[in-house]
Amino acid sequence: MSLIAATGLAVRYGGRRVLHDIDFAIAPGEIVTIVGPNGSGKTSFLRALLGVVPPAAGRVTRAPGLRLGYVPQRLHLDPGLPLPVGRFLSLPRRAPRDRMVAALAQVGLGDLRGQDMATLSGGQFQRVLLARALLGTPDLLLLDEPTAGLDQPGVASFYQLIEEVRRETGCAVLSVSHDLHVVMSASDRVVCINGHICCEGAPQVVREAPEYRALFGFGTGGALALYQHDHDHDHDHAHDHDHAPTH
């Protein structure tokens, strides 16, 4: 049974059609990465799945009792407004102390509850956002370009963390990637969107697809190879570290 599914989904903003004819489903425990050029509708697709944007056509169905966790693109907070990590984690409803401590530990942070959000590094900030999403023990974790603004080591570290979270909790992960040079290791499926689903499949399959090449060119041949999971080797240790040219 799918956790969440879209059938014939279309999204419009005003008179402009952003997405059309989207058929998609994600299974329990699956990791799916959404890629596509700027303006291709990736974030709109995620917002439609979340129920924030109503479909112009088609429908979105969710498994009964489905728990969602959401990590947005980098959140902008007023640096002049004191906001301790603990208070942030308790928005919009108070979280128990032990749950906050456990969630921070789960994302590789110490007990930062008393530290101000404005003083966190970019990597720490994104991990706190992830900890907040994990407080509700989600069945499905949705990540909207969660590594925007992080340097390459920070990106790699974050995606390795996501893989560990999936392994420890069994939650499914649907991630929008802003960077073609990074697709998380162990992605079971990559979906390429440009107003509709152009192609989908295992990372190595999508990398060779004509539709993908037409959008991104042959110069990005290694884009989906970085952190690509090698299904013929141990899950924890085998990664393909090819690097694509920088644009």
C-alpha atoms as a PDB file:
ATOM      1  CA  MET A   1       0.000   0.000   0.000  1.00  0.00           C
ATOM      2  CA  SER A   2       1.274   3.469  -0.879  1.00  0.00           C
ATOM      3  CA  LEU A   3       1.781   6.067   1.839  1.00  0.00           C
ATOM      4  CA  ILE A   4       0.756   8.859  -0.504  1.00  0.00           C
ATOM      5  CA  ALA A   5      -0.254   8.835  -4.156  1.00  0.00           C
ATOM      6  CA  ALA A   6      -1.123  11.343  -6.869  1.00  0.00           C
ATOM      7  CA  THR A   7      -3.308  10.416  -9.833  1.00  0.00           C
ATOM      8  CA  GLY A   8      -3.678  12.725 -12.838  1.00  0.00           C
ATOM      9  CA  LEU A   9      -2.470  15.588 -10.660  1.00  0.00           C
ATOM     10  CA  ALA A  10      -2.412  19.099 -12.116  1.00  0.00           C
ATOM     11  CA  VAL A  11      -1.499  22.349 -10.340  1.00  0.00           C
ATOM     12  CA  ARG A  12      -2.243  25.855 -11.556  1.00  0.00           C
ATOM     13  CA  TYR A  13      -1.265  29.265 -10.196  1.00  0.00           C
ATOM     14  CA  GLY A  14      -3.658  31.850 -11.548  1.00  0.00           C
ATOM     15  CA  GLY A  15      -4.018  31.013 -15.215  1.00  0.00           C
ATOM     16  CA  ARG A  16      -0.644  29.292 -15.477  1.00  0.00           C
ATOM     17  CA  ARG A  17      -0.365  25.523 -15.548  1.00  0.00           C
ATOM     18  CA  VAL A  18       2.588  24.441 -13.395  1.00  0.00           C
ATOM     19  CA  LEU A  19       2.086  20.661 -13.336  1.00  0.00           C
ATOM     20  CA  HIS A  20      -0.053  18.283 -15.323  1.00  0.00           C
ATOM     21  CA  ASP A  21      -0.736  14.557 -15.626  1.00  0.00           C
ATOM     22  CA  ILE A  22       1.320  13.559 -12.585  1.00  0.00           C
ATOM     23  CA  ASP A  23       0.946   9.928 -11.514  1.00  0.00           C
ATOM     24  CA  PHE A  24       3.104   9.154  -8.493  1.00  0.00           C
ATOM     25  CA  ALA A  25       3.207   6.952  -5.407  1.00  0.00           C
ATOM     26  CA  ILE A  26       5.715   6.287  -2.644  1.00  0.00           C
ATOM     27  CA  ALA A  27       5.860   3.073  -0.636  1.00  0.00           C
ATOM     28  CA  PRO A  28       6.737   2.613   3.054  1.00  0.00           C
ATOM     29  CA  GLY A  29      10.478   2.877   3.660  1.00  0.00           C
ATOM     30  CA  GLU A  30      11.248   4.054   0.116  1.00  0.00           C
ATOM     31  CA  ILE A  31      13.607   6.947  -0.638  1.00  0.00           C
ATOM     32  CA  VAL A  32      12.639   8.986  -3.699  1.00  0.00           C
ATOM     33  CA  THR A  33      14.490  12.056  -4.968  1.00  0.00           C
ATOM     34  CA  ILE A  34      12.813  14.658  -7.192  1.00  0.00           C
ATOM     35  CA  VAL A  35      15.060  16.521  -9.640  1.00  0.00           C
ATOM     36  CA  GLY A  36      14.344  19.072 -12.345  1.00  0.00           C
ATOM     37  CA  PRO A  37      15.400  22.477 -13.678  1.00  0.00           C
ATOM     38  CA  ASN A  38      14.427  25.740 -11.976  1.00  0.00           C
ATOM     39  CA  GLY A  39      10.738  26.472 -12.438  1.00  0.00           C
ATOM     40  CA  SER A  40       9.915  22.850 -13.240  1.00  0.00           C
ATOM     41  CA  GLY A  41       7.273  22.522 -10.505  1.00  0.00           C
ATOM     42  CA  LYS A  42       9.244  20.471  -7.954  1.00  0.00           C
ATOM     43  CA  THR A  43       8.199  22.526  -4.924  1.00  0.00           C
ATOM     44  CA  SER A  44       4.630  22.860  -6.229  1.00  0.00           C
ATOM     45  CA  PHE A  45       4.483  19.079  -6.441  1.00  0.00           C
ATOM     46  CA  LEU A  46       5.602  18.752  -2.834  1.00  0.00           C
ATOM     47  CA  ARG A  47       3.104  21.399  -1.699  1.00  0.00           C
ATOM     48  CA  ALA A  48       0.302  19.578  -3.487  1.00  0.00           C
ATOM     49  CA  LEU A  49       1.220  16.325  -1.736  1.00  0.00           C
ATOM     50  CA  LEU A  50       1.222  18.185   1.589  1.00  0.00           C
ATOM     51  CA  GLY A  51      -2.242  19.563   0.847  1.00  0.00           C
ATOM     52  CA  VAL A  52      -1.054  23.178   0.906  1.00  0.00           C
ATOM     53  CA  VAL A  53      -1.949  23.661  -2.769  1.00  0.00           C
ATOM     54  CA  PRO A  54      -5.268  22.276  -4.037  1.00  0.00           C
ATOM     55  CA  PRO A  55      -5.106  20.219  -7.236  1.00  0.00           C
ATOM     56  CA  ALA A  56      -6.518  21.866 -10.348  1.00  0.00           C
ATOM     57  CA  ALA A  57      -7.214  18.336 -11.574  1.00  0.00           C
ATOM     58  CA  GLY A  58      -6.644  14.805 -10.361  1.00  0.00           C
ATOM     59  CA  ARG A  59      -6.368  13.788  -6.742  1.00  0.00           C
ATOM     60  CA  VAL A  60      -3.944  13.073  -3.914  1.00  0.00           C
ATOM     61  CA  THR A  61      -4.679  10.183  -1.559  1.00  0.00           C
ATOM     62  CA  ARG A  62      -2.943   9.422   1.745  1.00  0.00           C
ATOM     63  CA  ALA A  63      -2.856   6.294   3.839  1.00  0.00           C
ATOM     64  CA  PRO A  64      -5.181   6.509   6.862  1.00  0.00           C
ATOM     65  CA  GLY A  65      -3.420   8.061   9.848  1.00  0.00           C
ATOM     66  CA  LEU A  66      -0.370   9.013   7.771  1.00  0.00           C
ATOM     67  CA  ARG A  67       2.136  11.064   9.801  1.00  0.00           C
ATOM     68  CA  LEU A  68       4.146  13.582   7.761  1.00  0.00           C
ATOM     69  CA  GLY A  69       7.381  15.335   8.668  1.00  0.00           C
ATOM     70  CA  TYR A  70       8.435  18.369   6.643  1.00  0.00           C
ATOM     71  CA  VAL A  71      11.824  20.079   6.302  1.00  0.00           C
ATOM     72  CA  PRO A  72      11.510  23.325   4.302  1.00  0.00           C
ATOM     73  CA  GLN A  73      14.085  25.193   2.294  1.00  0.00           C
ATOM     74  CA  ARG A  74      16.273  27.172   4.651  1.00  0.00           C
ATOM     75  CA  LEU A  75      13.987  29.013   7.050  1.00  0.00           C
ATOM     76  CA  HIS A  76      14.613  32.731   7.582  1.00  0.00           C
ATOM     77  CA  LEU A  77      14.194  33.879  11.179  1.00  0.00           C
ATOM     78  CA  ASP A  78      14.543  37.416  12.500  1.00  0.00           C
ATOM     79  CA  PRO A  79      18.077  37.457  13.962  1.00  0.00           C
ATOM     80  CA  GLY A  80      16.967  40.163  16.399  1.00  0.00           C
ATOM     81  CA  LEU A  81      14.266  37.954  17.878  1.00  0.00           C
ATOM     82  CA  PRO A  82      15.620  35.656  20.609  1.00  0.00           C
ATOM     83  CA  LEU A  83      14.453  32.133  19.881  1.00  0.00           C
ATOM     84  CA  PRO A  84      16.105  29.272  21.771  1.00  0.00           C
ATOM     85  CA  VAL A  85      16.259  25.910  20.001  1.00  0.00           C
ATOM     86  CA  GLY A  86      14.008  24.372  22.652  1.00  0.00           C
ATOM     87  CA  ARG A  87      11.281  26.952  22.070  1.00  0.00           C
ATOM     88  CA  PHE A  88      11.577  26.517  18.300  1.00  0.00           C
ATOM     89  CA  LEU A  89      11.167  22.750  18.648  1.00  0.00           C
ATOM     90  CA  SER A  90       8.012  23.348  20.686  1.00  0.00           C
ATOM     91  CA  LEU A  91       6.294  25.317  17.911  1.00  0.00           C
ATOM     92  CA  PRO A  92       3.382  25.064  17.286  1.00  0.00           C
ATOM     93  CA  ARG A  93       2.831  22.720  20.260  1.00  0.00           C
ATOM     94  CA  ARG A  94       5.055  22.037  23.238  1.00  0.00           C
ATOM     95  CA  ALA A  95       7.259  18.985  22.908  1.00  0.00           C
ATOM     96  CA  PRO A  96       8.344  16.971  25.970  1.00  0.00           C
ATOM     97  CA  ARG A  97      11.931  17.590  27.077  1.00  0.00           C
ATOM     98  CA  ASP A  98      12.978  13.979  26.607  1.00  0.00           C
ATOM     99  CA  ARG A  99      11.588  13.927  23.061  1.00  0.00           C
ATOM    100  CA  MET A 100      13.486  17.101  22.157  1.00  0.00           C
ATOM    101  CA  VAL A 101      16.748  15.745  23.567  1.00  0.00           C
ATOM    102  CA  ALA A 102      16.238  12.435  21.755  1.00  0.00           C
ATOM    103  CA  ALA A 103      15.426  14.167  18.439  1.00  0.00           C
ATOM    104  CA  LEU A 104      18.520  16.381  18.672  1.00  0.00           C
ATOM    105  CA  ALA A 105      20.660  13.332  19.414  1.00  0.00           C
ATOM    106  CA  GLN A 106      19.070  11.512  16.474  1.00  0.00           C
ATOM    107  CA  VAL A 107      20.287  14.206  14.081  1.00  0.00           C
ATOM    108  CA  GLY A 108      23.778  14.227  15.534  1.00  0.00           C
ATOM    109  CA  LEU A 109      23.475  17.289  17.774  1.00  0.00           C
ATOM    110  CA  GLY A 110      23.985  17.639  21.508  1.00  0.00           C
ATOM    111  CA  ASP A 111      21.463  19.212  23.840  1.00  0.00           C
ATOM    112  CA  LEU A 112      21.249  22.637  22.185  1.00  0.00           C
ATOM    113  CA  ARG A 113      17.853  23.530  23.647  1.00  0.00           C
ATOM    114  CA  GLY A 114      19.183  26.664  25.315  1.00  0.00           C
ATOM    115  CA  GLN A 115      21.149  27.946  22.311  1.00  0.00           C
ATOM    116  CA  ASP A 116      19.694  30.722  20.190  1.00  0.00           C
ATOM    117  CA  MET A 117      18.661  29.711  16.669  1.00  0.00           C
ATOM    118  CA  ALA A 118      20.444  32.768  15.230  1.00  0.00           C
ATOM    119  CA  THR A 119      23.826  31.485  16.476  1.00  0.00           C
ATOM    120  CA  LEU A 120      23.642  28.078  14.749  1.00  0.00           C
ATOM    121  CA  SER A 121      25.779  27.240  11.735  1.00  0.00           C
ATOM    122  CA  GLY A 122      23.994  26.428   8.479  1.00  0.00           C
ATOM    123  CA  GLY A 123      24.455  22.705   9.006  1.00  0.00           C
ATOM    124  CA  GLN A 124      23.260  22.851  12.623  1.00  0.00           C
ATOM    125  CA  PHE A 125      20.224  24.904  11.578  1.00  0.00           C
ATOM    126  CA  GLN A 126      19.141  22.316   9.003  1.00  0.00           C
ATOM    127  CA  ARG A 127      19.639  19.498  11.502  1.00  0.00           C
ATOM    128  CA  VAL A 128      17.414  21.325  14.000  1.00  0.00           C
ATOM    129  CA  LEU A 129      14.754  21.623  11.268  1.00  0.00           C
ATOM    130  CA  LEU A 130      15.094  17.876  10.710  1.00  0.00           C
ATOM    131  CA  ALA A 131      14.855  17.198  14.453  1.00  0.00           C
ATOM    132  CA  ARG A 132      11.618  19.204  14.566  1.00  0.00           C
ATOM    133  CA  ALA A 133      10.225  17.134  11.685  1.00  0.00           C
ATOM    134  CA  LEU A 134      11.176  13.905  13.471  1.00  0.00           C
ATOM    135  CA  LEU A 135       9.415  14.840  16.725  1.00  0.00           C
ATOM    136  CA  GLY A 136       6.168  13.523  15.293  1.00  0.00           C
ATOM    137  CA  THR A 137       7.707  10.131  14.364  1.00  0.00           C
ATOM    138  CA  PRO A 138       6.668  10.536  10.706  1.00  0.00           C
ATOM    139  CA  ASP A 139       5.860   7.716   8.321  1.00  0.00           C
ATOM    140  CA  LEU A 140       6.977   9.983   5.468  1.00  0.00           C
ATOM    141  CA  LEU A 141       9.621  12.688   5.610  1.00  0.00           C
ATOM    142  CA  LEU A 142       9.361  15.408   2.952  1.00  0.00           C
ATOM    143  CA  LEU A 143      12.442  17.523   2.277  1.00  0.00           C
ATOM    144  CA  ASP A 144      12.219  20.631   0.090  1.00  0.00           C
ATOM    145  CA  GLU A 145      15.762  21.446  -1.059  1.00  0.00           C
ATOM    146  CA  PRO A 146      17.051  21.025   2.507  1.00  0.00           C
ATOM    147  CA  THR A 147      20.726  21.589   1.667  1.00  0.00           C
ATOM    148  CA  ALA A 148      20.421  24.944  -0.128  1.00  0.00           C
ATOM    149  CA  GLY A 149      23.246  27.180   1.064  1.00  0.00           C
ATOM    150  CA  LEU A 150      25.356  24.402   2.575  1.00  0.00           C
ATOM    151  CA  ASP A 151      28.861  23.663   1.315  1.00  0.00           C
ATOM    152  CA  GLN A 152      29.685  20.331  -0.301  1.00  0.00           C
ATOM    153  CA  PRO A 153      30.825  18.579   2.911  1.00  0.00           C
ATOM    154  CA  GLY A 154      27.694  19.866   4.670  1.00  0.00           C
ATOM    155  CA  VAL A 155      25.506  18.532   1.855  1.00  0.00           C
ATOM    156  CA  ALA A 156      27.167  15.120   1.965  1.00  0.00           C
ATOM    157  CA  SER A 157      26.873  14.962   5.750  1.00  0.00           C
ATOM    158  CA  PHE A 158      23.177  15.897   5.695  1.00  0.00           C
ATOM    159  CA  TYR A 159      22.242  13.270   3.121  1.00  0.00           C
ATOM    160  CA  GLN A 160      24.200  10.604   4.981  1.00  0.00           C
ATOM    161  CA  LEU A 161      22.201  11.572   8.060  1.00  0.00           C
ATOM    162  CA  ILE A 162      18.934  11.184   6.130  1.00  0.00           C
ATOM    163  CA  GLU A 163      19.966   7.696   5.100  1.00  0.00           C
ATOM    164  CA  GLU A 164      20.729   6.830   8.736  1.00  0.00           C
ATOM    165  CA  VAL A 165      17.322   8.191   9.830  1.00  0.00           C
ATOM    166  CA  ARG A 166      15.569   6.034   7.253  1.00  0.00           C
ATOM    167  CA  ARG A 167      17.542   2.992   8.377  1.00  0.00           C
ATOM    168  CA  GLU A 168      16.809   3.623  12.080  1.00  0.00           C
ATOM    169  CA  THR A 169      13.144   4.617  11.845  1.00  0.00           C
ATOM    170  CA  GLY A 170      11.943   2.919   8.665  1.00  0.00           C
ATOM    171  CA  CYS A 171      10.293   6.136   7.472  1.00  0.00           C
ATOM    172  CA  ALA A 172       9.988   6.853   3.766  1.00  0.00           C
ATOM    173  CA  VAL A 173      11.752   9.937   2.388  1.00  0.00           C
ATOM    174  CA  LEU A 174      10.706  12.193  -0.486  1.00  0.00           C
ATOM    175  CA  SER A 175      13.351  14.805  -1.217  1.00  0.00           C
ATOM    176  CA  VAL A 176      13.511  17.648  -3.722  1.00  0.00           C
ATOM    177  CA  SER A 177      17.114  18.211  -4.828  1.00  0.00           C
ATOM    178  CA  HIS A 178      18.203  21.673  -5.942  1.00  0.00           C
ATOM    179  CA  ASP A 179      21.601  20.431  -7.036  1.00  0.00           C
ATOM    180  CA  LEU A 180      22.080  17.934  -9.844  1.00  0.00           C
ATOM    181  CA  HIS A 181      25.493  17.109  -8.437  1.00  0.00           C
ATOM    182  CA  VAL A 182      23.941  15.593  -5.346  1.00  0.00           C
ATOM    183  CA  VAL A 183      21.474  12.753  -5.152  1.00  0.00           C
ATOM    184  CA  MET A 184      21.400  11.008  -1.815  1.00  0.00           C
ATOM    185  CA  SER A 185      22.944   7.600  -1.490  1.00  0.00           C
ATOM    186  CA  ALA A 186      20.477   4.734  -1.437  1.00  0.00           C
ATOM    187  CA  SER A 187      17.847   6.592  -3.479  1.00  0.00           C
ATOM    188  CA  ASP A 188      15.551   3.836  -4.552  1.00  0.00           C
ATOM    189  CA  ARG A 189      14.122   6.021  -7.281  1.00  0.00           C
ATOM    190  CA  VAL A 190      14.788   9.350  -8.982  1.00  0.00           C
ATOM    191  CA  VAL A 191      11.888  11.250 -10.560  1.00  0.00           C
ATOM    192  CA  CYS A 192      12.706  13.955 -13.091  1.00  0.00           C
ATOM    193  CA  ILE A 193      10.024  16.652 -13.331  1.00  0.00           C
ATOM    194  CA  ASN A 194       9.588  19.466 -15.841  1.00  0.00           C
ATOM    195  CA  GLY A 195       5.901  20.316 -15.632  1.00  0.00           C
ATOM    196  CA  HIS A 196       5.220  16.595 -15.802  1.00  0.00           C
ATOM    197  CA  ILE A 197       7.207  13.462 -15.040  1.00  0.00           C
ATOM    198  CA  CYS A 198       9.808  13.230 -17.811  1.00  0.00           C
ATOM    199  CA  CYS A 199      11.443  10.026 -16.600  1.00  0.00           C
ATOM    200  CA  GLU A 200      11.905   8.036 -13.437  1.00  0.00           C
ATOM    201  CA  GLY A 201      13.753   5.001 -12.151  1.00  0.00           C
ATOM    202  CA  ALA A 202      16.989   4.043 -10.423  1.00  0.00           C
ATOM    203  CA  PRO A 203      19.606   6.861 -10.477  1.00  0.00           C
ATOM    204  CA  GLN A 204      21.763   5.116 -13.065  1.00  0.00           C
ATOM    205  CA  VAL A 205      18.727   4.613 -15.321  1.00  0.00           C
ATOM    206  CA  VAL A 206      17.574   8.227 -15.143  1.00  0.00           C
ATOM    207  CA  ARG A 207      21.116   9.446 -15.757  1.00  0.00           C
ATOM    208  CA  GLU A 208      21.084   7.746 -19.170  1.00  0.00           C
ATOM    209  CA  ALA A 209      17.490   8.626 -20.103  1.00  0.00           C
ATOM    210  CA  PRO A 210      17.124  10.798 -23.252  1.00  0.00           C
ATOM    211  CA  GLU A 211      14.588  13.010 -21.433  1.00  0.00           C
ATOM    212  CA  TYR A 212      17.093  13.716 -18.685  1.00  0.00           C
ATOM    213  CA  ARG A 213      19.866  14.395 -21.205  1.00  0.00           C
ATOM    214  CA  ALA A 214      17.601  16.772 -23.110  1.00  0.00           C
ATOM    215  CA  LEU A 215      17.016  18.835 -19.966  1.00  0.00           C
ATOM    216  CA  PHE A 216      20.501  18.814 -18.487  1.00  0.00           C
ATOM    217  CA  GLY A 217      22.864  17.893 -21.302  1.00  0.00           C
ATOM    218  CA  PHE A 218      25.641  15.358 -21.484  1.00  0.00           C
ATOM    219  CA  GLY A 219      27.920  17.442 -19.281  1.00  0.00           C
ATOM    220  CA  THR A 220      25.961  16.351 -16.206  1.00  0.00           C
ATOM    221  CA  GLY A 221      26.592  12.681 -16.852  1.00  0.00           C
ATOM    222  CA  GLY A 222      28.015  12.223 -13.376  1.00  0.00           C
ATOM    223  CA  ALA A 223      25.376  14.305 -11.631  1.00  0.00           C
ATOM    224  CA  LEU A 224      23.342  11.353 -10.466  1.00  0.00           C
ATOM    225  CA  ALA A 225      26.408   9.287  -9.690  1.00  0.00           C
ATOM    226  CA  LEU A 226      27.506  11.302  -6.654  1.00  0.00           C
ATOM    227  CA  TYR A 227      26.508   9.423  -3.495  1.00  0.00           C
ATOM    228  CA  GLN A 228      24.719   6.884  -5.686  1.00  0.00           C
ATOM    229  CA  HIS A 229      24.012   3.666  -3.818  1.00  0.00           C
ATOM    230  CA  ASP A 230      25.656   0.529  -5.176  1.00  0.00           C
ATOM    231  CA  HIS A 231      23.091  -2.215  -4.751  1.00  0.00           C
ATOM    232  CA  ASP A 232      25.740  -4.911  -5.307  1.00  0.00           C
ATOM    233  CA  HIS A 233      27.656  -3.992  -2.150  1.00  0.00           C
ATOM    234  CA  ASP A 234      26.994  -3.382   1.500  1.00  0.00           C
ATOM    235  CA  HIS A 235      24.415  -0.644   2.079  1.00  0.00           C
ATOM    236  CA  ASP A 236      26.559   1.242   4.550  1.00  0.00           C
ATOM    237  CA  HIS A 237      29.873   1.378   2.769  1.00  0.00           C
ATOM    238  CA  ALA A 238      29.593   1.345  -1.006  1.00  0.00           C
ATOM    239  CA  HIS A 239      29.089   4.687  -2.738  1.00  0.00           C
ATOM    240  CA  ASP A 240      30.005   5.908  -6.188  1.00  0.00           C
ATOM    241  CA  HIS A 241      31.908   9.172  -5.822  1.00  0.00           C
ATOM    242  CA  ASP A 242      32.065  10.297  -9.449  1.00  0.00           C
ATOM    243  CA  HIS A 243      31.924  14.051  -9.754  1.00  0.00           C
ATOM    244  CA  ALA A 244      30.166  15.949 -12.498  1.00  0.00           C
ATOM    245  CA  PRO A 245      31.646  19.127 -13.977  1.00  0.00           C
ATOM    246  CA  THR A 246      30.765  22.345 -12.205  1.00  0.00           C
ATOM    247  CA  HIS A 247      28.461  24.725 -14.007  1.00  0.00           C
END
